[in-house]
Amino acid sequence: MADWNGYIMDISNQFDQGVDDLNQQVEKALEDLANQSLRHEISCRISKCIS
C-alpha cells in the first residue's frame, strides 16, 4: 500500500515552495517597479531644472 501521508506531504511541500518562490518574484518585481518609477521621477525633475 502506498504511503499516502508521505505523498500528500511531498505535494504540500512542493506547493508551499512554489508559493514562496512566487511571492519572492512578486516582491522583486514590485521593488524593481518602484525603483523604475523613482528613476523616472528624478529624471523628469532634472529635465525640468535644465530646461
N, C-alpha and C. Protein backbone atom coordinates (compact mmCIF):
# COMPACT_ATOMS: atom_id res chain seq x y z
N MET A 1 0.85 -1.18 0.00
CA MET A 1 0.00 0.00 0.00
C MET A 1 0.90 1.24 0.00
N ALA A 2 0.49 2.21 -0.78
CA ALA A 2 1.27 3.44 -0.91
C ALA A 2 1.23 4.24 0.39
N ASP A 3 2.30 4.97 0.61
CA ASP A 3 2.37 5.85 1.78
C ASP A 3 1.73 7.19 1.40
N TRP A 4 0.40 7.25 1.52
CA TRP A 4 -0.33 8.44 1.09
C TRP A 4 0.05 9.67 1.89
N ASN A 5 0.30 9.49 3.18
CA ASN A 5 0.66 10.64 4.01
C ASN A 5 1.95 11.27 3.51
N GLY A 6 2.94 10.45 3.20
CA GLY A 6 4.20 10.97 2.68
C GLY A 6 4.02 11.64 1.33
N TYR A 7 3.19 11.03 0.49
CA TYR A 7 2.92 11.59 -0.84
C TYR A 7 2.24 12.96 -0.72
N ILE A 8 1.24 13.03 0.12
CA ILE A 8 0.50 14.28 0.29
C ILE A 8 1.40 15.35 0.92
N MET A 9 2.23 14.96 1.87
CA MET A 9 3.15 15.92 2.48
C MET A 9 4.14 16.45 1.44
N ASP A 10 4.60 15.58 0.55
CA ASP A 10 5.53 15.99 -0.51
C ASP A 10 4.85 17.00 -1.44
N ILE A 11 3.63 16.70 -1.85
CA ILE A 11 2.88 17.62 -2.72
C ILE A 11 2.66 18.95 -1.99
N SER A 12 2.31 18.87 -0.72
CA SER A 12 2.08 20.09 0.07
C SER A 12 3.36 20.92 0.16
N ASN A 13 4.48 20.27 0.39
CA ASN A 13 5.76 20.99 0.48
C ASN A 13 6.12 21.63 -0.85
N GLN A 14 5.87 20.92 -1.95
CA GLN A 14 6.15 21.48 -3.28
C GLN A 14 5.27 22.71 -3.52
N PHE A 15 4.02 22.63 -3.13
CA PHE A 15 3.10 23.75 -3.29
C PHE A 15 3.58 24.95 -2.47
N ASP A 16 3.93 24.68 -1.20
CA ASP A 16 4.41 25.76 -0.33
C ASP A 16 5.65 26.42 -0.91
N GLN A 17 6.58 25.62 -1.44
CA GLN A 17 7.79 26.16 -2.04
C GLN A 17 7.45 27.01 -3.27
N GLY A 18 6.50 26.53 -4.07
CA GLY A 18 6.07 27.30 -5.24
C GLY A 18 5.46 28.63 -4.85
N VAL A 19 4.66 28.63 -3.80
CA VAL A 19 4.05 29.88 -3.31
C VAL A 19 5.14 30.83 -2.80
N ASP A 20 6.10 30.29 -2.06
CA ASP A 20 7.20 31.13 -1.56
C ASP A 20 8.00 31.72 -2.72
N ASP A 21 8.30 30.90 -3.72
CA ASP A 21 9.06 31.39 -4.88
C ASP A 21 8.28 32.48 -5.62
N LEU A 22 6.99 32.26 -5.81
CA LEU A 22 6.16 33.25 -6.49
C LEU A 22 6.10 34.55 -5.70
N ASN A 23 5.98 34.45 -4.39
CA ASN A 23 5.95 35.63 -3.53
C ASN A 23 7.25 36.42 -3.66
N GLN A 24 8.38 35.73 -3.69
CA GLN A 24 9.67 36.41 -3.85
C GLN A 24 9.76 37.11 -5.21
N GLN A 25 9.25 36.46 -6.25
CA GLN A 25 9.26 37.08 -7.58
C GLN A 25 8.39 38.33 -7.62
N VAL A 26 7.23 38.27 -6.97
CA VAL A 26 6.33 39.43 -6.94
C VAL A 26 6.97 40.58 -6.15
N GLU A 27 7.58 40.26 -5.02
CA GLU A 27 8.25 41.30 -4.23
C GLU A 27 9.37 41.95 -5.03
N LYS A 28 10.15 41.15 -5.75
CA LYS A 28 11.25 41.68 -6.57
C LYS A 28 10.69 42.55 -7.69
N ALA A 29 9.61 42.11 -8.33
CA ALA A 29 9.01 42.90 -9.41
C ALA A 29 8.48 44.23 -8.89
N LEU A 30 7.85 44.22 -7.72
CA LEU A 30 7.34 45.46 -7.13
C LEU A 30 8.48 46.40 -6.77
N GLU A 31 9.57 45.84 -6.24
CA GLU A 31 10.74 46.65 -5.91
C GLU A 31 11.34 47.27 -7.17
N ASP A 32 11.47 46.46 -8.22
CA ASP A 32 12.01 46.97 -9.49
C ASP A 32 11.11 48.06 -10.06
N LEU A 33 9.81 47.87 -9.98
CA LEU A 33 8.86 48.85 -10.49
C LEU A 33 8.96 50.16 -9.70
N ALA A 34 9.07 50.05 -8.39
CA ALA A 34 9.20 51.25 -7.55
C ALA A 34 10.49 51.99 -7.89
N ASN A 35 11.58 51.25 -8.07
CA ASN A 35 12.86 51.88 -8.41
C ASN A 35 12.79 52.54 -9.79
N GLN A 36 12.12 51.88 -10.72
CA GLN A 36 11.98 52.43 -12.07
C GLN A 36 11.15 53.72 -12.02
N SER A 37 10.09 53.71 -11.25
CA SER A 37 9.24 54.90 -11.11
C SER A 37 10.02 56.04 -10.47
N LEU A 38 10.82 55.73 -9.47
CA LEU A 38 11.63 56.74 -8.80
C LEU A 38 12.65 57.33 -9.76
N ARG A 39 13.32 56.47 -10.54
CA ARG A 39 14.29 56.97 -11.51
C ARG A 39 13.62 57.86 -12.54
N HIS A 40 12.41 57.49 -12.97
CA HIS A 40 11.68 58.29 -13.94
C HIS A 40 11.34 59.66 -13.34
N GLU A 41 10.88 59.66 -12.09
CA GLU A 41 10.52 60.91 -11.41
C GLU A 41 11.74 61.82 -11.29
N ILE A 42 12.87 61.26 -10.90
CA ILE A 42 14.10 62.05 -10.77
C ILE A 42 14.52 62.60 -12.12
N SER A 43 14.45 61.77 -13.15
CA SER A 43 14.82 62.19 -14.50
C SER A 43 13.93 63.35 -14.97
N CYS A 44 12.64 63.25 -14.71
CA CYS A 44 11.72 64.32 -15.11
C CYS A 44 12.04 65.62 -14.36
N ARG A 45 12.32 65.52 -13.09
CA ARG A 45 12.64 66.73 -12.31
C ARG A 45 13.94 67.35 -12.79
N ILE A 46 14.93 66.53 -13.11
CA ILE A 46 16.21 67.05 -13.62
C ILE A 46 15.98 67.73 -14.97
N SER A 47 15.18 67.11 -15.82
CA SER A 47 14.89 67.70 -17.13
C SER A 47 14.22 69.06 -16.99
N LYS A 48 13.31 69.19 -16.04
CA LYS A 48 12.63 70.47 -15.83
C LYS A 48 13.59 71.52 -15.31
N CYS A 49 14.53 71.13 -14.48
CA CYS A 49 15.52 72.08 -13.95
C CYS A 49 16.46 72.56 -15.05
N ILE A 50 16.80 71.68 -15.95
CA ILE A 50 17.74 72.02 -17.02
C ILE A 50 17.06 72.90 -18.07
N SER A 51 15.78 72.65 -18.31
CA SER A 51 15.06 73.37 -19.37
C SER A 51 14.82 74.81 -19.03
